[in-house]
Amino acid sequence: MNEKISFMVNQRPSAFVNLYRGFRFGKHKAKLGATLPMAGVKWFGVRLNSKYLERFSSICGLERKPYLPVLYPFTLIYPLKLWLISQREIHLPMFKMLTTRNETIMYRKIRVDEELNITANIVGQQFTLKGMEFYILSKLMVDTETVWENKSTLYIPGKHRIENIRDTSVRFKNIPEAKEIAAWYLDDKDRLLFSRVIGDSNGIHYSPKYAKMLGYDRDFAQPIRVASKCLEFFYDYSEDFPLTVVDLMFKGPVC
């Protein structure tokens, strides 16, 4: 049975402190194969930072609204998830980690002045033919009402000694003759600034040298930055949708 561990924070974790802790606990040389504990972290009484919201909307090219953009909560859960993963008790090579899928549900619109309670929990893992996947379920609540949740699939490539592996990866079907809804230009600037806003300290999204160290041709765009702009083209946030479901799978990098 997996060990259960609970943590609590009282402020937004620093992305660079998360990086430092990861190096300090040897996560740059950790190996695949360990069973992950069912660890979780809570962050209660959260008030939104208007500066982060303004920068997020500006960099993503979004129109300002009185409610949160569907994917804006990632600026809250990204640093929280990285804080959790960087803890000594979580044995995995976090610096090779990539998000391959984000399953998000917004149950209702979230006003910018609402106080939030946030949780993030490791809910499972699976060894694959070429590495390991693990899953983190994050929730935003107003009092005890869940208003937004996300299940992230995080993939770490590498060798392991687990035998009898079956490839159970989920893949979306191709849409034949899909129509182009819109086209837009992704500005090359603000890569580091957006990483700071969203709390994603992975240098693969803003440092060409770091990306080449990992075997890529160059750094590539943060997925939430790309997806937020894409959503605006077919999602009218002025209408009163009772439920919003966004299931994103990342086939490859946007450079």
C-alpha atoms as a PDB file:
ATOM      1  CA  MET A   1       0.000   0.000   0.000  1.00  0.00           C
ATOM      2  CA  ASN A   2       1.303   3.453  -0.954  1.00  0.00           C
ATOM      3  CA  GLU A   3       2.333   5.730   1.891  1.00  0.00           C
ATOM      4  CA  LYS A   4       0.101   8.750   2.489  1.00  0.00           C
ATOM      5  CA  ILE A   5       1.740  12.125   3.177  1.00  0.00           C
ATOM      6  CA  SER A   6       0.074  15.512   3.686  1.00  0.00           C
ATOM      7  CA  PHE A   7       1.644  18.963   3.475  1.00  0.00           C
ATOM      8  CA  MET A   8       0.357  22.527   3.988  1.00  0.00           C
ATOM      9  CA  VAL A   9       1.669  25.844   2.610  1.00  0.00           C
ATOM     10  CA  ASN A  10       0.538  29.376   3.443  1.00  0.00           C
ATOM     11  CA  GLN A  11       1.810  31.242   0.379  1.00  0.00           C
ATOM     12  CA  ARG A  12       2.530  30.734  -3.321  1.00  0.00           C
ATOM     13  CA  PRO A  13       5.657  28.573  -3.554  1.00  0.00           C
ATOM     14  CA  SER A  14       8.642  30.143  -5.303  1.00  0.00           C
ATOM     15  CA  ALA A  15       9.506  28.502  -8.624  1.00  0.00           C
ATOM     16  CA  PHE A  16      13.219  29.019  -8.080  1.00  0.00           C
ATOM     17  CA  VAL A  17      13.094  27.659  -4.528  1.00  0.00           C
ATOM     18  CA  ASN A  18      11.384  24.583  -6.001  1.00  0.00           C
ATOM     19  CA  LEU A  19      14.317  24.241  -8.417  1.00  0.00           C
ATOM     20  CA  TYR A  20      16.868  24.628  -5.631  1.00  0.00           C
ATOM     21  CA  ARG A  21      15.101  22.039  -3.483  1.00  0.00           C
ATOM     22  CA  GLY A  22      15.011  19.621  -6.423  1.00  0.00           C
ATOM     23  CA  PHE A  23      18.787  19.866  -6.884  1.00  0.00           C
ATOM     24  CA  ARG A  24      19.391  19.715  -3.146  1.00  0.00           C
ATOM     25  CA  PHE A  25      17.473  16.446  -2.860  1.00  0.00           C
ATOM     26  CA  GLY A  26      19.228  14.924  -5.882  1.00  0.00           C
ATOM     27  CA  LYS A  27      16.314  14.918  -8.308  1.00  0.00           C
ATOM     28  CA  HIS A  28      18.649  15.659 -11.219  1.00  0.00           C
ATOM     29  CA  LYS A  29      20.130  12.153 -10.828  1.00  0.00           C
ATOM     30  CA  ALA A  30      17.175  10.184  -9.445  1.00  0.00           C
ATOM     31  CA  LYS A  31      16.200   6.951 -11.207  1.00  0.00           C
ATOM     32  CA  LEU A  32      12.828   5.597 -12.265  1.00  0.00           C
ATOM     33  CA  GLY A  33      11.359   2.643 -10.431  1.00  0.00           C
ATOM     34  CA  ALA A  34      10.285   3.919  -7.020  1.00  0.00           C
ATOM     35  CA  THR A  35       6.680   3.665  -5.891  1.00  0.00           C
ATOM     36  CA  LEU A  36       5.359   7.172  -5.301  1.00  0.00           C
ATOM     37  CA  PRO A  37       3.502   7.969  -2.073  1.00  0.00           C
ATOM     38  CA  MET A  38      -0.059   9.278  -2.234  1.00  0.00           C
ATOM     39  CA  ALA A  39       1.209  12.723  -1.247  1.00  0.00           C
ATOM     40  CA  GLY A  40      -0.829  15.906  -1.214  1.00  0.00           C
ATOM     41  CA  VAL A  41      -0.517  19.601  -0.383  1.00  0.00           C
ATOM     42  CA  LYS A  42      -3.108  22.184   0.704  1.00  0.00           C
ATOM     43  CA  TRP A  43      -3.067  25.962   0.263  1.00  0.00           C
ATOM     44  CA  PHE A  44      -6.069  27.692   1.818  1.00  0.00           C
ATOM     45  CA  GLY A  45      -7.320  31.290   1.943  1.00  0.00           C
ATOM     46  CA  VAL A  46      -5.867  32.236  -1.455  1.00  0.00           C
ATOM     47  CA  ARG A  47      -6.548  35.704  -2.862  1.00  0.00           C
ATOM     48  CA  LEU A  48      -5.760  36.337  -6.521  1.00  0.00           C
ATOM     49  CA  ASN A  49      -2.816  38.543  -7.420  1.00  0.00           C
ATOM     50  CA  SER A  50      -4.085  41.188  -9.864  1.00  0.00           C
ATOM     51  CA  LYS A  51      -0.544  41.701 -11.210  1.00  0.00           C
ATOM     52  CA  TYR A  52      -0.254  38.048 -12.252  1.00  0.00           C
ATOM     53  CA  LEU A  53      -3.736  38.090 -13.805  1.00  0.00           C
ATOM     54  CA  GLU A  54      -2.929  41.241 -15.798  1.00  0.00           C
ATOM     55  CA  ARG A  55       0.372  39.832 -17.063  1.00  0.00           C
ATOM     56  CA  PHE A  56      -1.159  36.452 -17.901  1.00  0.00           C
ATOM     57  CA  SER A  57      -3.925  38.067 -19.983  1.00  0.00           C
ATOM     58  CA  SER A  58      -1.509  40.474 -21.670  1.00  0.00           C
ATOM     59  CA  ILE A  59       1.081  37.857 -22.663  1.00  0.00           C
ATOM     60  CA  CYS A  60      -1.601  35.411 -23.896  1.00  0.00           C
ATOM     61  CA  GLY A  61      -3.393  38.180 -25.808  1.00  0.00           C
ATOM     62  CA  LEU A  62      -6.663  37.687 -23.915  1.00  0.00           C
ATOM     63  CA  GLU A  63      -9.463  40.196 -23.476  1.00  0.00           C
ATOM     64  CA  ARG A  64      -9.911  41.334 -19.855  1.00  0.00           C
ATOM     65  CA  LYS A  65     -13.017  39.847 -18.182  1.00  0.00           C
ATOM     66  CA  PRO A  66     -14.539  40.050 -14.666  1.00  0.00           C
ATOM     67  CA  TYR A  67     -14.033  36.274 -14.379  1.00  0.00           C
ATOM     68  CA  LEU A  68     -10.952  34.086 -14.537  1.00  0.00           C
ATOM     69  CA  PRO A  69      -9.853  32.666 -17.906  1.00  0.00           C
ATOM     70  CA  VAL A  70     -10.434  28.911 -17.949  1.00  0.00           C
ATOM     71  CA  LEU A  71      -6.740  28.050 -17.740  1.00  0.00           C
ATOM     72  CA  TYR A  72      -5.623  30.877 -15.425  1.00  0.00           C
ATOM     73  CA  PRO A  73      -5.787  28.608 -12.317  1.00  0.00           C
ATOM     74  CA  PHE A  74      -2.632  26.931 -13.634  1.00  0.00           C
ATOM     75  CA  THR A  75      -0.742  29.963 -12.276  1.00  0.00           C
ATOM     76  CA  LEU A  76      -1.831  28.720  -8.844  1.00  0.00           C
ATOM     77  CA  ILE A  77      -1.484  24.955  -9.223  1.00  0.00           C
ATOM     78  CA  TYR A  78       1.796  24.817 -11.205  1.00  0.00           C
ATOM     79  CA  PRO A  79       3.967  26.165  -8.385  1.00  0.00           C
ATOM     80  CA  LEU A  80       2.014  24.076  -5.887  1.00  0.00           C
ATOM     81  CA  LYS A  81       2.564  20.862  -7.878  1.00  0.00           C
ATOM     82  CA  LEU A  82       6.263  21.599  -8.340  1.00  0.00           C
ATOM     83  CA  TRP A  83       6.572  22.281  -4.604  1.00  0.00           C
ATOM     84  CA  LEU A  84       5.027  18.870  -3.933  1.00  0.00           C
ATOM     85  CA  ILE A  85       7.216  17.048  -6.469  1.00  0.00           C
ATOM     86  CA  SER A  86      10.375  18.703  -5.128  1.00  0.00           C
ATOM     87  CA  GLN A  87       9.907  17.282  -1.627  1.00  0.00           C
ATOM     88  CA  ARG A  88      12.465  14.796  -0.308  1.00  0.00           C
ATOM     89  CA  GLU A  89       9.824  12.037  -0.010  1.00  0.00           C
ATOM     90  CA  ILE A  90       8.977  12.076  -3.755  1.00  0.00           C
ATOM     91  CA  HIS A  91      11.664  10.005  -5.503  1.00  0.00           C
ATOM     92  CA  LEU A  92      11.717  10.852  -9.210  1.00  0.00           C
ATOM     93  CA  PRO A  93      13.911  12.734 -11.743  1.00  0.00           C
ATOM     94  CA  MET A  94      11.800  15.911 -11.848  1.00  0.00           C
ATOM     95  CA  PHE A  95      14.026  17.779 -14.319  1.00  0.00           C
ATOM     96  CA  LYS A  96      13.155  15.383 -17.157  1.00  0.00           C
ATOM     97  CA  MET A  97       9.424  15.732 -16.508  1.00  0.00           C
ATOM     98  CA  LEU A  98       6.979  16.841 -19.226  1.00  0.00           C
ATOM     99  CA  THR A  99       3.224  17.331 -19.099  1.00  0.00           C
ATOM    100  CA  THR A 100       1.531  15.219 -21.785  1.00  0.00           C
ATOM    101  CA  ARG A 101      -2.124  15.725 -20.886  1.00  0.00           C
ATOM    102  CA  ASN A 102      -4.277  18.176 -18.936  1.00  0.00           C
ATOM    103  CA  GLU A 103      -7.901  17.267 -18.231  1.00  0.00           C
ATOM    104  CA  THR A 104      -9.621  20.373 -16.859  1.00  0.00           C
ATOM    105  CA  ILE A 105     -13.167  21.032 -15.668  1.00  0.00           C
ATOM    106  CA  MET A 106     -14.477  24.474 -14.723  1.00  0.00           C
ATOM    107  CA  TYR A 107     -17.786  23.902 -12.919  1.00  0.00           C
ATOM    108  CA  ARG A 108     -18.744  27.560 -12.926  1.00  0.00           C
ATOM    109  CA  LYS A 109     -17.253  30.978 -13.538  1.00  0.00           C
ATOM    110  CA  ILE A 110     -14.825  32.133 -10.854  1.00  0.00           C
ATOM    111  CA  ARG A 111     -14.953  35.798  -9.865  1.00  0.00           C
ATOM    112  CA  VAL A 112     -11.614  37.516  -9.429  1.00  0.00           C
ATOM    113  CA  ASP A 113     -12.511  38.555  -5.860  1.00  0.00           C
ATOM    114  CA  GLU A 114     -13.364  35.070  -4.542  1.00  0.00           C
ATOM    115  CA  GLU A 115     -11.206  33.454  -1.860  1.00  0.00           C
ATOM    116  CA  LEU A 116      -9.982  30.012  -2.875  1.00  0.00           C
ATOM    117  CA  ASN A 117      -8.863  26.819  -1.158  1.00  0.00           C
ATOM    118  CA  ILE A 118      -6.483  24.777  -3.310  1.00  0.00           C
ATOM    119  CA  THR A 119      -5.331  21.168  -3.102  1.00  0.00           C
ATOM    120  CA  ALA A 120      -2.969  19.046  -5.219  1.00  0.00           C
ATOM    121  CA  ASN A 121      -2.597  15.286  -4.749  1.00  0.00           C
ATOM    122  CA  ILE A 122      -0.596  12.532  -6.439  1.00  0.00           C
ATOM    123  CA  VAL A 123      -3.281   9.997  -7.360  1.00  0.00           C
ATOM    124  CA  GLY A 124      -1.387   7.294  -9.229  1.00  0.00           C
ATOM    125  CA  GLN A 125       1.500   6.233 -11.446  1.00  0.00           C
ATOM    126  CA  GLN A 126       2.109   3.857 -14.332  1.00  0.00           C
ATOM    127  CA  PHE A 127       5.269   2.549 -15.934  1.00  0.00           C
ATOM    128  CA  THR A 128       5.244   2.654 -19.734  1.00  0.00           C
ATOM    129  CA  LEU A 129       7.412   1.125 -22.445  1.00  0.00           C
ATOM    130  CA  LYS A 130       9.675   4.185 -22.502  1.00  0.00           C
ATOM    131  CA  GLY A 131       9.385   5.635 -19.011  1.00  0.00           C
ATOM    132  CA  MET A 132       6.824   6.447 -16.361  1.00  0.00           C
ATOM    133  CA  GLU A 133       3.627   8.469 -16.078  1.00  0.00           C
ATOM    134  CA  PHE A 134       2.193   9.813 -12.861  1.00  0.00           C
ATOM    135  CA  TYR A 135      -0.934  11.810 -12.160  1.00  0.00           C
ATOM    136  CA  ILE A 136      -1.744  14.841 -10.025  1.00  0.00           C
ATOM    137  CA  LEU A 137      -5.325  15.897  -9.259  1.00  0.00           C
ATOM    138  CA  SER A 138      -5.687  19.579  -8.345  1.00  0.00           C
ATOM    139  CA  LYS A 139      -8.809  21.365  -7.144  1.00  0.00           C
ATOM    140  CA  LEU A 140      -9.917  24.949  -6.544  1.00  0.00           C
ATOM    141  CA  MET A 141     -12.703  25.343  -4.004  1.00  0.00           C
ATOM    142  CA  VAL A 142     -14.772  28.236  -2.706  1.00  0.00           C
ATOM    143  CA  ASP A 143     -15.473  27.147   0.871  1.00  0.00           C
ATOM    144  CA  THR A 144     -16.218  23.458   0.214  1.00  0.00           C
ATOM    145  CA  GLU A 145     -17.614  23.895  -3.324  1.00  0.00           C
ATOM    146  CA  THR A 146     -15.292  22.580  -6.054  1.00  0.00           C
ATOM    147  CA  VAL A 147     -15.317  25.212  -8.816  1.00  0.00           C
ATOM    148  CA  TRP A 148     -12.367  23.989 -10.928  1.00  0.00           C
ATOM    149  CA  GLU A 149     -10.290  20.837 -11.139  1.00  0.00           C
ATOM    150  CA  ASN A 150      -7.492  19.422 -13.228  1.00  0.00           C
ATOM    151  CA  LYS A 151      -5.879  16.038 -13.675  1.00  0.00           C
ATOM    152  CA  SER A 152      -2.369  16.326 -15.099  1.00  0.00           C
ATOM    153  CA  THR A 153      -0.489  13.458 -16.695  1.00  0.00           C
ATOM    154  CA  LEU A 154       3.259  13.934 -16.250  1.00  0.00           C
ATOM    155  CA  TYR A 155       5.694  11.821 -18.242  1.00  0.00           C
ATOM    156  CA  ILE A 156       9.316  11.065 -17.433  1.00  0.00           C
ATOM    157  CA  PRO A 157      11.332   9.235 -20.125  1.00  0.00           C
ATOM    158  CA  GLY A 158      13.932   6.728 -19.061  1.00  0.00           C
ATOM    159  CA  LYS A 159      14.832   3.128 -18.401  1.00  0.00           C
ATOM    160  CA  HIS A 160      13.470   1.041 -15.556  1.00  0.00           C
ATOM    161  CA  ARG A 161      13.446  -2.578 -14.454  1.00  0.00           C
ATOM    162  CA  ILE A 162       9.686  -3.029 -14.323  1.00  0.00           C
ATOM    163  CA  GLU A 163       8.636  -6.035 -16.420  1.00  0.00           C
ATOM    164  CA  ASN A 164       5.438  -6.979 -18.293  1.00  0.00           C
ATOM    165  CA  ILE A 165       4.640  -3.409 -19.295  1.00  0.00           C
ATOM    166  CA  ARG A 166       1.603  -2.734 -21.468  1.00  0.00           C
ATOM    167  CA  ASP A 167       1.274   0.487 -23.444  1.00  0.00           C
ATOM    168  CA  THR A 168      -2.042   1.921 -22.224  1.00  0.00           C
ATOM    169  CA  SER A 169      -1.422   5.503 -23.351  1.00  0.00           C
ATOM    170  CA  VAL A 170      -4.552   7.344 -24.424  1.00  0.00           C
ATOM    171  CA  ARG A 171      -4.485   8.949 -27.869  1.00  0.00           C
ATOM    172  CA  PHE A 172      -7.047  11.185 -29.520  1.00  0.00           C
ATOM    173  CA  LYS A 173      -8.256  10.234 -32.982  1.00  0.00           C
ATOM    174  CA  ASN A 174      -7.256  12.408 -35.906  1.00  0.00           C
ATOM    175  CA  ILE A 175     -10.000  14.643 -37.321  1.00  0.00           C
ATOM    176  CA  PRO A 176     -10.038  14.145 -41.111  1.00  0.00           C
ATOM    177  CA  GLU A 177     -10.137  17.367 -43.141  1.00  0.00           C
ATOM    178  CA  ALA A 178     -10.320  19.533 -40.025  1.00  0.00           C
ATOM    179  CA  LYS A 179     -11.079  23.165 -40.840  1.00  0.00           C
ATOM    180  CA  GLU A 180      -8.756  25.940 -39.758  1.00  0.00           C
ATOM    181  CA  ILE A 181     -10.676  28.113 -37.287  1.00  0.00           C
ATOM    182  CA  ALA A 182      -8.046  30.780 -36.776  1.00  0.00           C
ATOM    183  CA  ALA A 183      -4.365  31.567 -37.199  1.00  0.00           C
ATOM    184  CA  TRP A 184      -2.216  33.766 -34.968  1.00  0.00           C
ATOM    185  CA  TYR A 185       1.399  34.662 -34.366  1.00  0.00           C
ATOM    186  CA  LEU A 186       3.145  33.566 -31.182  1.00  0.00           C
ATOM    187  CA  ASP A 187       5.574  36.288 -30.165  1.00  0.00           C
ATOM    188  CA  ASP A 188       9.003  35.004 -29.166  1.00  0.00           C
ATOM    189  CA  LYS A 189       9.352  37.478 -26.300  1.00  0.00           C
ATOM    190  CA  ASP A 190       8.122  37.179 -22.690  1.00  0.00           C
ATOM    191  CA  ARG A 191       9.075  33.506 -22.394  1.00  0.00           C
ATOM    192  CA  LEU A 192      10.833  33.935 -19.051  1.00  0.00           C
ATOM    193  CA  LEU A 193       8.210  36.414 -17.811  1.00  0.00           C
ATOM    194  CA  PHE A 194       5.383  33.980 -18.560  1.00  0.00           C
ATOM    195  CA  SER A 195       7.245  31.166 -16.794  1.00  0.00           C
ATOM    196  CA  ARG A 196       7.482  33.412 -13.724  1.00  0.00           C
ATOM    197  CA  VAL A 197       3.777  34.324 -13.931  1.00  0.00           C
ATOM    198  CA  ILE A 198       2.633  30.719 -14.200  1.00  0.00           C
ATOM    199  CA  GLY A 199       5.202  29.383 -11.730  1.00  0.00           C
ATOM    200  CA  ASP A 200       6.721  26.880 -14.157  1.00  0.00           C
ATOM    201  CA  SER A 201      10.471  26.950 -13.561  1.00  0.00           C
ATOM    202  CA  ASN A 202      11.305  24.438 -16.311  1.00  0.00           C
ATOM    203  CA  GLY A 203      14.026  26.102 -18.400  1.00  0.00           C
ATOM    204  CA  ILE A 204      12.915  24.141 -21.438  1.00  0.00           C
ATOM    205  CA  HIS A 205      10.326  26.914 -21.991  1.00  0.00           C
ATOM    206  CA  TYR A 206      12.703  29.890 -22.004  1.00  0.00           C
ATOM    207  CA  SER A 207      16.342  28.771 -22.299  1.00  0.00           C
ATOM    208  CA  PRO A 208      17.682  27.483 -25.663  1.00  0.00           C
ATOM    209  CA  LYS A 209      20.884  26.240 -24.007  1.00  0.00           C
ATOM    210  CA  TYR A 210      18.999  24.265 -21.357  1.00  0.00           C
ATOM    211  CA  ALA A 211      16.701  22.732 -23.994  1.00  0.00           C
ATOM    212  CA  LYS A 212      19.723  21.609 -26.049  1.00  0.00           C
ATOM    213  CA  MET A 213      21.216  19.975 -22.952  1.00  0.00           C
ATOM    214  CA  LEU A 214      18.076  17.804 -22.855  1.00  0.00           C
ATOM    215  CA  GLY A 215      18.358  16.888 -26.535  1.00  0.00           C
ATOM    216  CA  TYR A 216      15.941  19.370 -28.124  1.00  0.00           C
ATOM    217  CA  ASP A 217      16.797  21.770 -30.953  1.00  0.00           C
ATOM    218  CA  ARG A 218      15.686  24.779 -28.907  1.00  0.00           C
ATOM    219  CA  ASP A 219      13.319  25.871 -26.129  1.00  0.00           C
ATOM    220  CA  PHE A 220       9.593  25.646 -26.810  1.00  0.00           C
ATOM    221  CA  ALA A 221       6.454  27.480 -25.769  1.00  0.00           C
ATOM    222  CA  GLN A 222       4.734  26.869 -22.438  1.00  0.00           C
ATOM    223  CA  PRO A 223       1.618  24.800 -23.347  1.00  0.00           C
ATOM    224  CA  ILE A 224      -0.819  26.857 -21.256  1.00  0.00           C
ATOM    225  CA  ARG A 225       0.229  30.036 -23.072  1.00  0.00           C
ATOM    226  CA  VAL A 226      -0.602  28.461 -26.432  1.00  0.00           C
ATOM    227  CA  ALA A 227      -3.791  26.730 -25.261  1.00  0.00           C
ATOM    228  CA  SER A 228      -5.205  29.870 -23.581  1.00  0.00           C
ATOM    229  CA  LYS A 229      -5.074  31.800 -26.841  1.00  0.00           C
ATOM    230  CA  CYS A 230      -6.490  28.868 -28.826  1.00  0.00           C
ATOM    231  CA  LEU A 231      -9.480  28.602 -26.479  1.00  0.00           C
ATOM    232  CA  GLU A 232     -10.438  32.223 -27.034  1.00  0.00           C
ATOM    233  CA  PHE A 233     -11.158  31.537 -30.711  1.00  0.00           C
ATOM    234  CA  PHE A 234     -14.017  29.117 -30.059  1.00  0.00           C
ATOM    235  CA  TYR A 235     -15.083  29.764 -26.473  1.00  0.00           C
ATOM    236  CA  ASP A 236     -17.366  32.775 -25.839  1.00  0.00           C
ATOM    237  CA  TYR A 237     -16.762  33.529 -22.192  1.00  0.00           C
ATOM    238  CA  SER A 238     -19.510  36.152 -22.156  1.00  0.00           C
ATOM    239  CA  GLU A 239     -22.140  33.422 -22.293  1.00  0.00           C
ATOM    240  CA  ASP A 240     -23.269  31.576 -19.181  1.00  0.00           C
ATOM    241  CA  PHE A 241     -21.984  28.054 -19.699  1.00  0.00           C
ATOM    242  CA  PRO A 242     -22.893  25.803 -16.748  1.00  0.00           C
ATOM    243  CA  LEU A 243     -19.812  23.607 -17.277  1.00  0.00           C
ATOM    244  CA  THR A 244     -16.581  23.816 -19.244  1.00  0.00           C
ATOM    245  CA  VAL A 245     -14.443  20.763 -20.021  1.00  0.00           C
ATOM    246  CA  VAL A 246     -11.034  21.165 -21.670  1.00  0.00           C
ATOM    247  CA  ASP A 247      -8.995  18.038 -22.433  1.00  0.00           C
ATOM    248  CA  LEU A 248      -5.557  18.892 -23.841  1.00  0.00           C
ATOM    249  CA  MET A 249      -3.053  16.354 -25.089  1.00  0.00           C
ATOM    250  CA  PHE A 250       0.358  17.558 -26.215  1.00  0.00           C
ATOM    251  CA  LYS A 251       1.619  15.739 -29.284  1.00  0.00           C
ATOM    252  CA  GLY A 252       4.792  17.790 -29.636  1.00  0.00           C
ATOM    253  CA  PRO A 253       6.405  21.123 -28.796  1.00  0.00           C
ATOM    254  CA  VAL A 254       5.438  24.520 -30.245  1.00  0.00           C
ATOM    255  CA  CYS A 255       8.675  26.313 -31.120  1.00  0.00           C
END
